[in-house]
N, C-alpha and C. Protein backbone atom coordinates (compact mmCIF):
# COMPACT_ATOMS: atom_id res chain seq x y z
N UNK A 1 0.84 -1.21 0.00
CA UNK A 1 0.00 0.00 0.00
C UNK A 1 0.87 1.26 0.00
N UNK A 2 1.97 1.24 0.77
CA UNK A 2 2.82 2.43 0.82
C UNK A 2 3.45 2.75 -0.54
N UNK A 3 3.78 1.72 -1.33
CA UNK A 3 4.32 1.95 -2.67
C UNK A 3 3.28 2.69 -3.51
N UNK A 4 2.03 2.30 -3.36
CA UNK A 4 0.95 2.98 -4.10
C UNK A 4 0.86 4.45 -3.69
N UNK A 5 1.02 4.74 -2.40
CA UNK A 5 0.95 6.11 -1.92
C UNK A 5 2.13 6.92 -2.46
N UNK A 6 3.32 6.34 -2.43
CA UNK A 6 4.50 7.03 -2.95
C UNK A 6 4.30 7.35 -4.44
N UNK A 7 3.76 6.39 -5.18
CA UNK A 7 3.50 6.61 -6.60
C UNK A 7 2.45 7.69 -6.78
N UNK A 8 1.41 7.69 -5.95
CA UNK A 8 0.34 8.69 -6.07
C UNK A 8 0.85 10.09 -5.80
N UNK A 9 1.81 10.22 -4.89
CA UNK A 9 2.40 11.54 -4.60
C UNK A 9 3.42 11.91 -5.67
N UNK A 10 4.24 10.96 -6.06
CA UNK A 10 5.36 11.26 -6.95
C UNK A 10 4.99 11.49 -8.40
N UNK A 11 4.02 10.74 -8.92
CA UNK A 11 3.70 10.84 -10.34
C UNK A 11 3.26 12.24 -10.77
N UNK A 12 2.38 12.91 -10.03
CA UNK A 12 2.01 14.28 -10.45
C UNK A 12 3.21 15.23 -10.46
N UNK A 13 4.11 15.07 -9.47
CA UNK A 13 5.28 15.96 -9.41
C UNK A 13 6.22 15.72 -10.58
N UNK A 14 6.42 14.46 -10.94
CA UNK A 14 7.23 14.14 -12.11
C UNK A 14 6.57 14.67 -13.39
N UNK A 15 5.27 14.54 -13.47
CA UNK A 15 4.54 15.00 -14.65
C UNK A 15 4.72 16.50 -14.85
N UNK A 16 4.39 17.29 -13.83
CA UNK A 16 4.34 18.74 -14.00
C UNK A 16 5.71 19.40 -13.98
N UNK A 17 6.66 18.81 -13.26
CA UNK A 17 7.97 19.44 -13.11
C UNK A 17 9.04 18.87 -14.04
N UNK A 18 8.75 17.72 -14.67
CA UNK A 18 9.77 17.11 -15.52
C UNK A 18 9.24 16.74 -16.91
N UNK A 19 8.22 15.88 -16.97
CA UNK A 19 7.79 15.37 -18.27
C UNK A 19 7.05 16.41 -19.10
N UNK A 20 6.04 17.07 -18.53
CA UNK A 20 5.26 18.04 -19.30
C UNK A 20 6.13 19.15 -19.89
N UNK A 21 7.07 19.74 -19.13
CA UNK A 21 7.92 20.77 -19.75
C UNK A 21 8.73 20.25 -20.93
N UNK A 22 9.15 19.00 -20.88
CA UNK A 22 9.97 18.44 -21.95
C UNK A 22 9.16 18.14 -23.22
N UNK A 23 7.85 18.11 -23.10
CA UNK A 23 7.02 17.91 -24.30
C UNK A 23 6.95 19.17 -25.16
N UNK A 24 7.29 20.31 -24.57
CA UNK A 24 7.33 21.59 -25.30
C UNK A 24 6.04 21.87 -26.08
N UNK A 25 4.91 21.70 -25.41
CA UNK A 25 3.61 21.92 -26.03
C UNK A 25 3.20 23.39 -25.95
N UNK A 26 2.32 23.82 -26.84
CA UNK A 26 1.75 25.15 -26.72
C UNK A 26 0.62 25.10 -25.68
N UNK A 27 -0.06 26.23 -25.48
CA UNK A 27 -1.10 26.29 -24.45
C UNK A 27 -2.19 25.24 -24.66
N UNK A 28 -2.64 25.10 -25.90
CA UNK A 28 -3.71 24.12 -26.17
C UNK A 28 -3.22 22.70 -25.92
N UNK A 29 -2.02 22.42 -26.34
CA UNK A 29 -1.45 21.09 -26.12
C UNK A 29 -1.29 20.78 -24.65
N UNK A 30 -0.82 21.76 -23.86
CA UNK A 30 -0.65 21.56 -22.42
C UNK A 30 -1.99 21.34 -21.73
N UNK A 31 -3.00 22.10 -22.15
CA UNK A 31 -4.33 21.93 -21.55
C UNK A 31 -4.86 20.53 -21.81
N UNK A 32 -4.76 20.09 -23.06
CA UNK A 32 -5.24 18.74 -23.40
C UNK A 32 -4.44 17.66 -22.67
N UNK A 33 -3.11 17.81 -22.66
CA UNK A 33 -2.26 16.82 -22.00
C UNK A 33 -2.54 16.75 -20.50
N UNK A 34 -2.70 17.91 -19.87
CA UNK A 34 -3.00 17.93 -18.44
C UNK A 34 -4.34 17.26 -18.13
N UNK A 35 -5.35 17.58 -18.91
CA UNK A 35 -6.68 17.00 -18.67
C UNK A 35 -6.66 15.48 -18.85
N UNK A 36 -5.97 15.00 -19.88
CA UNK A 36 -5.88 13.56 -20.10
C UNK A 36 -5.08 12.89 -18.98
N UNK A 37 -3.97 13.51 -18.59
CA UNK A 37 -3.14 12.94 -17.52
C UNK A 37 -3.91 12.89 -16.20
N UNK A 38 -4.64 13.95 -15.89
CA UNK A 38 -5.41 13.98 -14.64
C UNK A 38 -6.51 12.93 -14.63
N UNK A 39 -7.18 12.76 -15.76
CA UNK A 39 -8.24 11.76 -15.86
C UNK A 39 -7.66 10.36 -15.69
N UNK A 40 -6.54 10.09 -16.35
CA UNK A 40 -5.89 8.78 -16.21
C UNK A 40 -5.43 8.54 -14.78
N UNK A 41 -4.87 9.56 -14.16
CA UNK A 41 -4.41 9.46 -12.77
C UNK A 41 -5.59 9.10 -11.85
N UNK A 42 -6.70 9.80 -12.03
CA UNK A 42 -7.87 9.54 -11.19
C UNK A 42 -8.41 8.13 -11.40
N UNK A 43 -8.37 7.64 -12.61
CA UNK A 43 -8.83 6.28 -12.88
C UNK A 43 -7.91 5.25 -12.21
N UNK A 44 -6.61 5.46 -12.33
CA UNK A 44 -5.64 4.52 -11.75
C UNK A 44 -5.73 4.50 -10.23
N UNK A 45 -5.85 5.67 -9.61
CA UNK A 45 -5.83 5.76 -8.15
C UNK A 45 -7.23 5.92 -7.55
N UNK A 46 -8.26 5.64 -8.34
CA UNK A 46 -9.65 5.61 -7.88
C UNK A 46 -10.09 6.92 -7.24
N UNK A 47 -9.96 7.98 -8.02
CA UNK A 47 -10.37 9.30 -7.54
C UNK A 47 -11.86 9.37 -7.27
N UNK A 48 -12.22 10.24 -6.32
CA UNK A 48 -13.62 10.43 -5.94
C UNK A 48 -13.92 11.94 -5.90
N UNK A 49 -13.96 12.59 -7.06
CA UNK A 49 -14.16 14.04 -7.04
C UNK A 49 -15.57 14.48 -6.67
N UNK A 50 -16.57 13.65 -6.95
CA UNK A 50 -17.96 13.98 -6.61
C UNK A 50 -18.34 15.36 -7.14
N UNK A 51 -18.13 15.56 -8.45
CA UNK A 51 -18.36 16.86 -9.07
C UNK A 51 -19.80 17.35 -8.93
N UNK A 52 -20.77 16.45 -8.94
CA UNK A 52 -22.18 16.86 -8.99
C UNK A 52 -22.82 17.00 -7.60
N UNK A 53 -22.03 17.38 -6.64
CA UNK A 53 -22.51 17.55 -5.27
C UNK A 53 -23.23 18.88 -5.09
N UNK A 54 -24.44 18.83 -4.54
CA UNK A 54 -25.18 20.05 -4.23
C UNK A 54 -24.45 20.92 -3.23
N UNK A 55 -24.06 20.36 -2.06
CA UNK A 55 -23.32 21.18 -1.09
C UNK A 55 -22.00 21.71 -1.66
N UNK A 56 -21.31 20.88 -2.43
CA UNK A 56 -20.05 21.33 -3.03
C UNK A 56 -20.26 22.50 -3.96
N UNK A 57 -21.31 22.45 -4.75
CA UNK A 57 -21.62 23.54 -5.68
C UNK A 57 -22.00 24.81 -4.93
N UNK A 58 -22.86 24.67 -3.92
CA UNK A 58 -23.29 25.85 -3.16
C UNK A 58 -22.13 26.52 -2.43
N UNK A 59 -21.33 25.73 -1.74
CA UNK A 59 -20.18 26.29 -1.01
C UNK A 59 -19.18 26.88 -2.00
N UNK A 60 -18.93 26.17 -3.10
CA UNK A 60 -17.99 26.65 -4.10
C UNK A 60 -18.43 27.97 -4.71
N UNK A 61 -19.71 28.10 -5.04
CA UNK A 61 -20.21 29.34 -5.60
C UNK A 61 -20.10 30.49 -4.60
N UNK A 62 -20.40 30.19 -3.33
CA UNK A 62 -20.26 31.21 -2.30
C UNK A 62 -18.83 31.70 -2.17
N UNK A 63 -17.88 30.77 -2.17
CA UNK A 63 -16.47 31.14 -2.07
C UNK A 63 -16.01 31.91 -3.31
N UNK A 64 -16.48 31.48 -4.49
CA UNK A 64 -16.12 32.19 -5.72
C UNK A 64 -16.67 33.62 -5.71
N UNK A 65 -17.85 33.80 -5.14
CA UNK A 65 -18.42 35.15 -5.04
C UNK A 65 -17.58 36.03 -4.13
N UNK A 66 -17.07 35.45 -3.04
CA UNK A 66 -16.19 36.21 -2.14
C UNK A 66 -14.92 36.64 -2.89
N UNK A 67 -14.36 35.72 -3.67
CA UNK A 67 -13.16 36.03 -4.45
C UNK A 67 -13.45 37.16 -5.44
N UNK A 68 -14.59 37.07 -6.13
CA UNK A 68 -14.95 38.11 -7.11
C UNK A 68 -15.12 39.46 -6.42
N UNK A 69 -15.73 39.45 -5.24
CA UNK A 69 -15.91 40.70 -4.50
C UNK A 69 -14.56 41.27 -4.08
N UNK A 70 -13.64 40.41 -3.68
CA UNK A 70 -12.32 40.87 -3.27
C UNK A 70 -11.58 41.50 -4.45
N UNK A 71 -11.67 40.89 -5.63
CA UNK A 71 -11.04 41.48 -6.82
C UNK A 71 -11.67 42.83 -7.14
N UNK A 72 -12.98 42.91 -7.06
CA UNK A 72 -13.67 44.16 -7.36
C UNK A 72 -13.23 45.27 -6.40
N UNK A 73 -13.13 44.92 -5.12
CA UNK A 73 -12.68 45.91 -4.13
C UNK A 73 -11.23 46.30 -4.38
N UNK A 74 -10.39 45.32 -4.73
CA UNK A 74 -8.97 45.60 -4.96
C UNK A 74 -8.77 46.54 -6.13
N UNK A 75 -9.55 46.36 -7.18
CA UNK A 75 -9.40 47.20 -8.37
C UNK A 75 -9.80 48.65 -8.08
N UNK A 76 -10.60 48.85 -7.05
CA UNK A 76 -11.00 50.21 -6.69
C UNK A 76 -9.85 50.98 -6.04
N UNK A 77 -8.79 50.28 -5.63
CA UNK A 77 -7.63 50.93 -5.01
C UNK A 77 -6.61 51.24 -6.11
N UNK A 78 -6.30 52.50 -6.33
CA UNK A 78 -5.41 52.86 -7.44
C UNK A 78 -4.07 52.13 -7.44
N UNK A 79 -3.44 51.97 -6.29
CA UNK A 79 -2.13 51.31 -6.23
C UNK A 79 -2.23 49.85 -6.67
N UNK A 80 -3.31 49.19 -6.23
CA UNK A 80 -3.51 47.79 -6.63
C UNK A 80 -3.80 47.71 -8.12
N UNK A 81 -4.60 48.63 -8.61
CA UNK A 81 -4.93 48.65 -10.04
C UNK A 81 -3.67 48.82 -10.89
N UNK A 82 -2.78 49.72 -10.46
CA UNK A 82 -1.53 49.92 -11.20
C UNK A 82 -0.66 48.66 -11.15
N UNK A 83 -0.64 48.02 -10.00
CA UNK A 83 0.15 46.79 -9.85
C UNK A 83 -0.37 45.69 -10.76
N UNK A 84 -1.69 45.53 -10.82
CA UNK A 84 -2.28 44.52 -11.69
C UNK A 84 -2.02 44.85 -13.15
N UNK A 85 -2.08 46.13 -13.49
CA UNK A 85 -1.87 46.53 -14.88
C UNK A 85 -0.44 46.25 -15.32
N UNK A 86 0.49 46.26 -14.36
CA UNK A 86 1.89 46.02 -14.69
C UNK A 86 2.29 44.56 -14.63
N UNK A 87 1.35 43.69 -14.25
CA UNK A 87 1.67 42.26 -14.14
C UNK A 87 1.91 41.67 -15.52
N UNK A 88 2.87 40.74 -15.58
CA UNK A 88 3.19 40.10 -16.86
C UNK A 88 2.05 39.19 -17.29
N UNK A 89 1.69 39.27 -18.56
CA UNK A 89 0.66 38.39 -19.13
C UNK A 89 1.33 37.09 -19.54
N UNK A 90 1.00 36.00 -18.85
CA UNK A 90 1.69 34.73 -19.08
C UNK A 90 1.05 33.90 -20.18
N UNK A 91 0.04 34.45 -20.82
CA UNK A 91 -0.59 33.75 -21.95
C UNK A 91 -0.94 34.76 -23.04
N UNK A 92 0.06 35.57 -23.40
CA UNK A 92 -0.18 36.66 -24.35
C UNK A 92 -0.63 36.16 -25.72
N UNK A 93 -0.28 34.91 -26.05
CA UNK A 93 -0.63 34.37 -27.37
C UNK A 93 -2.02 33.74 -27.40
N UNK A 94 -2.75 33.83 -26.29
CA UNK A 94 -4.09 33.23 -26.19
C UNK A 94 -5.09 34.34 -25.87
N UNK A 95 -6.24 34.32 -26.54
CA UNK A 95 -7.28 35.31 -26.28
C UNK A 95 -7.83 35.19 -24.87
N UNK A 96 -8.35 36.29 -24.36
CA UNK A 96 -8.85 36.32 -22.98
C UNK A 96 -9.96 35.30 -22.76
N UNK A 97 -10.95 35.24 -23.67
CA UNK A 97 -12.05 34.30 -23.50
C UNK A 97 -11.55 32.86 -23.49
N UNK A 98 -10.65 32.53 -24.41
CA UNK A 98 -10.11 31.17 -24.44
C UNK A 98 -9.33 30.86 -23.17
N UNK A 99 -8.56 31.82 -22.69
CA UNK A 99 -7.76 31.61 -21.49
C UNK A 99 -8.64 31.37 -20.26
N UNK A 100 -9.67 32.22 -20.11
CA UNK A 100 -10.52 32.16 -18.92
C UNK A 100 -11.55 31.03 -18.98
N UNK A 101 -12.03 30.71 -20.19
CA UNK A 101 -13.11 29.73 -20.32
C UNK A 101 -12.63 28.33 -20.70
N UNK A 102 -11.37 28.19 -21.12
CA UNK A 102 -10.87 26.86 -21.50
C UNK A 102 -9.62 26.46 -20.74
N UNK A 103 -8.57 27.25 -20.87
CA UNK A 103 -7.28 26.83 -20.31
C UNK A 103 -7.27 26.84 -18.78
N UNK A 104 -7.84 27.87 -18.17
CA UNK A 104 -7.86 27.91 -16.71
C UNK A 104 -8.79 26.83 -16.14
N UNK A 105 -10.05 26.72 -16.60
CA UNK A 105 -10.91 25.70 -15.99
C UNK A 105 -10.50 24.26 -16.32
N UNK A 106 -10.01 24.01 -17.53
CA UNK A 106 -9.69 22.62 -17.90
C UNK A 106 -8.22 22.28 -17.63
N UNK A 107 -7.32 23.12 -18.12
CA UNK A 107 -5.90 22.81 -18.00
C UNK A 107 -5.34 23.02 -16.61
N UNK A 108 -5.96 23.90 -15.83
CA UNK A 108 -5.48 24.16 -14.47
C UNK A 108 -6.44 23.61 -13.42
N UNK A 109 -7.65 24.13 -13.36
CA UNK A 109 -8.56 23.80 -12.26
C UNK A 109 -8.99 22.34 -12.30
N UNK A 110 -9.51 21.87 -13.43
CA UNK A 110 -9.92 20.46 -13.52
C UNK A 110 -8.75 19.55 -13.20
N UNK A 111 -7.61 19.83 -13.82
CA UNK A 111 -6.42 19.00 -13.64
C UNK A 111 -6.00 18.95 -12.18
N UNK A 112 -5.82 20.11 -11.57
CA UNK A 112 -5.30 20.15 -10.20
C UNK A 112 -6.32 19.66 -9.18
N UNK A 113 -7.58 20.02 -9.34
CA UNK A 113 -8.57 19.58 -8.37
C UNK A 113 -8.83 18.08 -8.48
N UNK A 114 -8.82 17.54 -9.69
CA UNK A 114 -9.02 16.10 -9.83
C UNK A 114 -7.84 15.33 -9.25
N UNK A 115 -6.62 15.78 -9.53
CA UNK A 115 -5.45 15.09 -9.01
C UNK A 115 -5.35 15.23 -7.50
N UNK A 116 -5.39 16.47 -7.01
CA UNK A 116 -5.06 16.70 -5.60
C UNK A 116 -6.26 16.54 -4.67
N UNK A 117 -7.34 17.27 -4.89
CA UNK A 117 -8.48 17.17 -3.97
C UNK A 117 -9.36 15.97 -4.27
N UNK A 118 -9.51 15.61 -5.55
CA UNK A 118 -10.40 14.51 -5.89
C UNK A 118 -9.79 13.13 -5.74
N UNK A 119 -8.46 13.04 -5.77
CA UNK A 119 -7.82 11.73 -5.75
C UNK A 119 -6.77 11.60 -4.63
N UNK A 120 -5.77 12.48 -4.64
CA UNK A 120 -4.66 12.32 -3.69
C UNK A 120 -5.07 12.56 -2.25
N UNK A 121 -5.81 13.63 -1.98
CA UNK A 121 -6.20 13.92 -0.60
C UNK A 121 -7.01 12.78 0.05
N UNK A 122 -8.04 12.24 -0.63
CA UNK A 122 -8.74 11.11 0.00
C UNK A 122 -7.84 9.91 0.25
N UNK A 123 -6.91 9.65 -0.67
CA UNK A 123 -6.00 8.52 -0.48
C UNK A 123 -5.09 8.76 0.73
N UNK A 124 -4.55 9.98 0.85
CA UNK A 124 -3.67 10.30 1.99
C UNK A 124 -4.45 10.31 3.30
N UNK A 125 -5.68 10.81 3.28
CA UNK A 125 -6.51 10.80 4.50
C UNK A 125 -6.73 9.37 4.98
N UNK A 126 -7.01 8.46 4.05
CA UNK A 126 -7.23 7.06 4.41
C UNK A 126 -5.97 6.43 4.97
N UNK A 127 -4.85 6.76 4.39
CA UNK A 127 -3.58 6.14 4.77
C UNK A 127 -3.00 6.72 6.06
N UNK A 128 -3.09 8.06 6.24
CA UNK A 128 -2.38 8.72 7.33
C UNK A 128 -3.29 9.47 8.30
N UNK A 129 -4.59 9.57 8.02
CA UNK A 129 -5.48 10.38 8.84
C UNK A 129 -5.63 11.77 8.25
N UNK A 130 -6.66 12.48 8.68
CA UNK A 130 -7.01 13.76 8.06
C UNK A 130 -5.94 14.82 8.23
N UNK A 131 -5.38 14.96 9.43
CA UNK A 131 -4.41 16.03 9.67
C UNK A 131 -3.14 15.82 8.85
N UNK A 132 -2.54 14.65 8.96
CA UNK A 132 -1.33 14.35 8.20
C UNK A 132 -1.62 14.33 6.71
N UNK A 133 -2.77 13.80 6.34
CA UNK A 133 -3.15 13.77 4.93
C UNK A 133 -3.25 15.17 4.35
N UNK A 134 -3.83 16.10 5.13
CA UNK A 134 -3.97 17.48 4.66
C UNK A 134 -2.60 18.12 4.47
N UNK A 135 -1.69 17.91 5.40
CA UNK A 135 -0.36 18.50 5.30
C UNK A 135 0.43 17.92 4.12
N UNK A 136 0.37 16.61 3.97
CA UNK A 136 1.09 15.97 2.86
C UNK A 136 0.51 16.38 1.51
N UNK A 137 -0.82 16.42 1.43
CA UNK A 137 -1.46 16.81 0.18
C UNK A 137 -1.14 18.24 -0.21
N UNK A 138 -1.16 19.15 0.78
CA UNK A 138 -0.87 20.56 0.47
C UNK A 138 0.61 20.73 0.10
N UNK A 139 1.49 19.96 0.75
CA UNK A 139 2.92 20.03 0.39
C UNK A 139 3.12 19.57 -1.06
N UNK A 140 2.45 18.48 -1.43
CA UNK A 140 2.56 18.00 -2.81
C UNK A 140 2.03 19.04 -3.79
N UNK A 141 0.93 19.70 -3.42
CA UNK A 141 0.36 20.73 -4.29
C UNK A 141 1.33 21.89 -4.45
N UNK A 142 1.99 22.27 -3.38
CA UNK A 142 3.00 23.32 -3.47
C UNK A 142 4.15 22.92 -4.39
N UNK A 143 4.65 21.70 -4.22
CA UNK A 143 5.77 21.22 -5.03
C UNK A 143 5.40 21.04 -6.50
N UNK A 144 4.13 20.82 -6.78
CA UNK A 144 3.64 20.73 -8.17
C UNK A 144 3.99 22.01 -8.94
N UNK A 145 4.15 23.13 -8.24
CA UNK A 145 4.35 24.42 -8.89
C UNK A 145 5.83 24.82 -9.02
N UNK A 146 6.77 23.92 -8.74
CA UNK A 146 8.19 24.28 -8.79
C UNK A 146 8.61 24.70 -10.20
N UNK A 147 8.38 23.85 -11.19
CA UNK A 147 8.82 24.21 -12.54
C UNK A 147 8.07 25.43 -13.07
N UNK A 148 6.74 25.51 -12.92
CA UNK A 148 6.07 26.72 -13.41
C UNK A 148 6.63 28.00 -12.79
N UNK A 149 6.99 27.96 -11.50
CA UNK A 149 7.57 29.14 -10.86
C UNK A 149 8.92 29.47 -11.46
N UNK A 150 9.74 28.44 -11.66
CA UNK A 150 11.06 28.66 -12.26
C UNK A 150 10.93 29.23 -13.67
N UNK A 151 10.01 28.66 -14.45
CA UNK A 151 9.83 29.11 -15.84
C UNK A 151 9.35 30.56 -15.90
N UNK A 152 8.54 30.96 -14.92
CA UNK A 152 8.01 32.32 -14.91
C UNK A 152 8.95 33.32 -14.25
N UNK A 153 10.04 32.82 -13.66
CA UNK A 153 10.96 33.71 -12.97
C UNK A 153 10.48 34.13 -11.60
N UNK A 154 9.51 33.39 -11.04
CA UNK A 154 9.00 33.69 -9.71
C UNK A 154 9.90 33.07 -8.65
N UNK A 155 9.79 33.58 -7.43
CA UNK A 155 10.52 32.99 -6.31
C UNK A 155 9.93 31.61 -6.02
N UNK A 156 10.74 30.57 -6.13
CA UNK A 156 10.23 29.20 -6.01
C UNK A 156 9.73 28.93 -4.60
N UNK A 157 10.49 29.31 -3.58
CA UNK A 157 10.07 29.04 -2.20
C UNK A 157 8.75 29.73 -1.88
N UNK A 158 8.65 31.00 -2.26
CA UNK A 158 7.40 31.75 -2.00
C UNK A 158 6.23 31.09 -2.72
N UNK A 159 6.46 30.68 -3.97
CA UNK A 159 5.39 30.03 -4.75
C UNK A 159 4.95 28.74 -4.10
N UNK A 160 5.92 27.91 -3.67
CA UNK A 160 5.59 26.62 -3.05
C UNK A 160 4.82 26.83 -1.75
N UNK A 161 5.26 27.78 -0.94
CA UNK A 161 4.59 28.04 0.34
C UNK A 161 3.18 28.58 0.09
N UNK A 162 3.06 29.54 -0.82
CA UNK A 162 1.75 30.15 -1.11
C UNK A 162 0.77 29.12 -1.67
N UNK A 163 1.22 28.35 -2.66
CA UNK A 163 0.31 27.37 -3.26
C UNK A 163 0.04 26.21 -2.29
N UNK A 164 1.02 25.89 -1.45
CA UNK A 164 0.77 24.87 -0.42
C UNK A 164 -0.30 25.32 0.56
N UNK A 165 -0.24 26.60 0.95
CA UNK A 165 -1.28 27.15 1.84
C UNK A 165 -2.64 27.15 1.15
N UNK A 166 -2.65 27.50 -0.13
CA UNK A 166 -3.91 27.44 -0.88
C UNK A 166 -4.43 26.01 -0.92
N UNK A 167 -3.51 25.04 -1.05
CA UNK A 167 -3.90 23.63 -1.04
C UNK A 167 -4.57 23.23 0.26
N UNK A 168 -4.10 23.78 1.38
CA UNK A 168 -4.75 23.50 2.67
C UNK A 168 -6.19 24.00 2.68
N UNK A 169 -6.38 25.22 2.16
CA UNK A 169 -7.73 25.80 2.12
C UNK A 169 -8.63 25.00 1.18
N UNK A 170 -8.12 24.70 -0.01
CA UNK A 170 -8.91 23.93 -0.98
C UNK A 170 -9.22 22.54 -0.43
N UNK A 171 -8.24 21.94 0.24
CA UNK A 171 -8.46 20.61 0.82
C UNK A 171 -9.53 20.65 1.91
N UNK A 172 -9.52 21.72 2.71
CA UNK A 172 -10.53 21.85 3.76
C UNK A 172 -11.93 21.95 3.16
N UNK A 173 -12.05 22.68 2.05
CA UNK A 173 -13.35 22.78 1.38
C UNK A 173 -13.80 21.42 0.86
N UNK A 174 -12.87 20.66 0.30
CA UNK A 174 -13.22 19.32 -0.18
C UNK A 174 -13.64 18.41 0.98
N UNK A 175 -12.92 18.47 2.07
CA UNK A 175 -13.26 17.62 3.22
C UNK A 175 -14.61 18.03 3.82
N UNK A 176 -14.90 19.31 3.83
CA UNK A 176 -16.15 19.81 4.39
C UNK A 176 -17.35 19.34 3.58
N UNK A 177 -17.21 19.32 2.27
CA UNK A 177 -18.35 19.02 1.40
C UNK A 177 -18.28 17.64 0.74
N UNK A 178 -17.15 16.95 0.88
CA UNK A 178 -16.90 15.67 0.18
C UNK A 178 -17.00 15.84 -1.33
N UNK A 179 -16.60 17.01 -1.82
CA UNK A 179 -16.70 17.29 -3.26
C UNK A 179 -15.55 18.19 -3.69
N UNK A 180 -14.92 17.85 -4.84
CA UNK A 180 -13.88 18.69 -5.40
C UNK A 180 -14.46 19.94 -6.07
N UNK A 181 -15.77 20.00 -6.22
CA UNK A 181 -16.40 21.18 -6.80
C UNK A 181 -16.26 22.39 -5.88
N UNK A 182 -16.31 22.15 -4.57
CA UNK A 182 -16.21 23.26 -3.61
C UNK A 182 -14.90 24.02 -3.76
N UNK A 183 -13.75 23.37 -3.84
CA UNK A 183 -12.52 24.14 -4.09
C UNK A 183 -12.34 24.54 -5.55
N UNK A 184 -12.91 23.78 -6.49
CA UNK A 184 -12.69 24.08 -7.91
C UNK A 184 -13.25 25.45 -8.29
N UNK A 185 -14.41 25.81 -7.78
CA UNK A 185 -15.03 27.08 -8.17
C UNK A 185 -14.24 28.29 -7.67
N UNK A 186 -13.84 28.36 -6.39
CA UNK A 186 -13.00 29.50 -6.01
C UNK A 186 -11.61 29.45 -6.65
N UNK A 187 -11.09 28.25 -6.90
CA UNK A 187 -9.81 28.11 -7.59
C UNK A 187 -9.90 28.77 -8.97
N UNK A 188 -10.97 28.49 -9.70
CA UNK A 188 -11.17 29.12 -11.00
C UNK A 188 -11.33 30.63 -10.84
N UNK A 189 -12.08 31.05 -9.83
CA UNK A 189 -12.32 32.48 -9.63
C UNK A 189 -11.01 33.23 -9.35
N UNK A 190 -10.13 32.64 -8.56
CA UNK A 190 -8.85 33.28 -8.26
C UNK A 190 -8.01 33.42 -9.53
N UNK A 191 -7.87 32.33 -10.27
CA UNK A 191 -7.02 32.37 -11.46
C UNK A 191 -7.63 33.22 -12.58
N UNK A 192 -8.92 33.02 -12.83
CA UNK A 192 -9.58 33.79 -13.89
C UNK A 192 -9.65 35.27 -13.52
N UNK A 193 -9.91 35.57 -12.27
CA UNK A 193 -9.96 36.96 -11.83
C UNK A 193 -8.62 37.65 -12.02
N UNK A 194 -7.54 36.94 -11.67
CA UNK A 194 -6.21 37.52 -11.86
C UNK A 194 -5.91 37.78 -13.33
N UNK A 195 -6.29 36.83 -14.18
CA UNK A 195 -6.06 37.00 -15.61
C UNK A 195 -6.88 38.17 -16.16
N UNK A 196 -8.14 38.24 -15.77
CA UNK A 196 -9.00 39.33 -16.25
C UNK A 196 -8.53 40.69 -15.76
N UNK A 197 -8.16 40.76 -14.49
CA UNK A 197 -7.73 42.06 -13.94
C UNK A 197 -6.48 42.54 -14.63
N UNK A 198 -5.52 41.64 -14.89
CA UNK A 198 -4.28 42.08 -15.51
C UNK A 198 -4.49 42.51 -16.96
N UNK A 199 -5.49 41.91 -17.63
CA UNK A 199 -5.73 42.25 -19.03
C UNK A 199 -6.67 43.45 -19.20
N UNK A 200 -7.64 43.57 -18.31
CA UNK A 200 -8.64 44.64 -18.47
C UNK A 200 -8.24 45.91 -17.77
């Protein structure tokens, strides 16, 4: 069983930090490859995302609304608005609608929520208990972002810590509702909101 757990933790990290970058795909190729890889991973490790959960949808929509309100309030502050306007566009070759409606929800949110909250977190909770499972799952989620941070020129340690903390919050939402939809909706709102604010 422990070999299975090591594989479940290690395979996503190898995929995102080693194999996927070496495929040298464009945005559309990466989105498709990520979605296929996440689906295969969930099938192999018996993921339980429970996408069609009523409580998950309600909680997720509520959290996404809070995120949207926070972005709206932030844009009202001139210093924040200037900072967002100066942010680098990491998908300049992709239209805004395609980026927000396809690549973020499918290539990022579906992929990450299915792998981490829908599959890995329940497996780790079963193996190690909720507290240790939450810490291990969030650490893996943070480490998933090592190569993307390096490629973007971001501080790797800050990125890992920040995304690991986000993984704790997203994991708590999944545990509360037994659905990956609860974290998926605010996850999309955070990423899509950031993309929209920097472009608009």
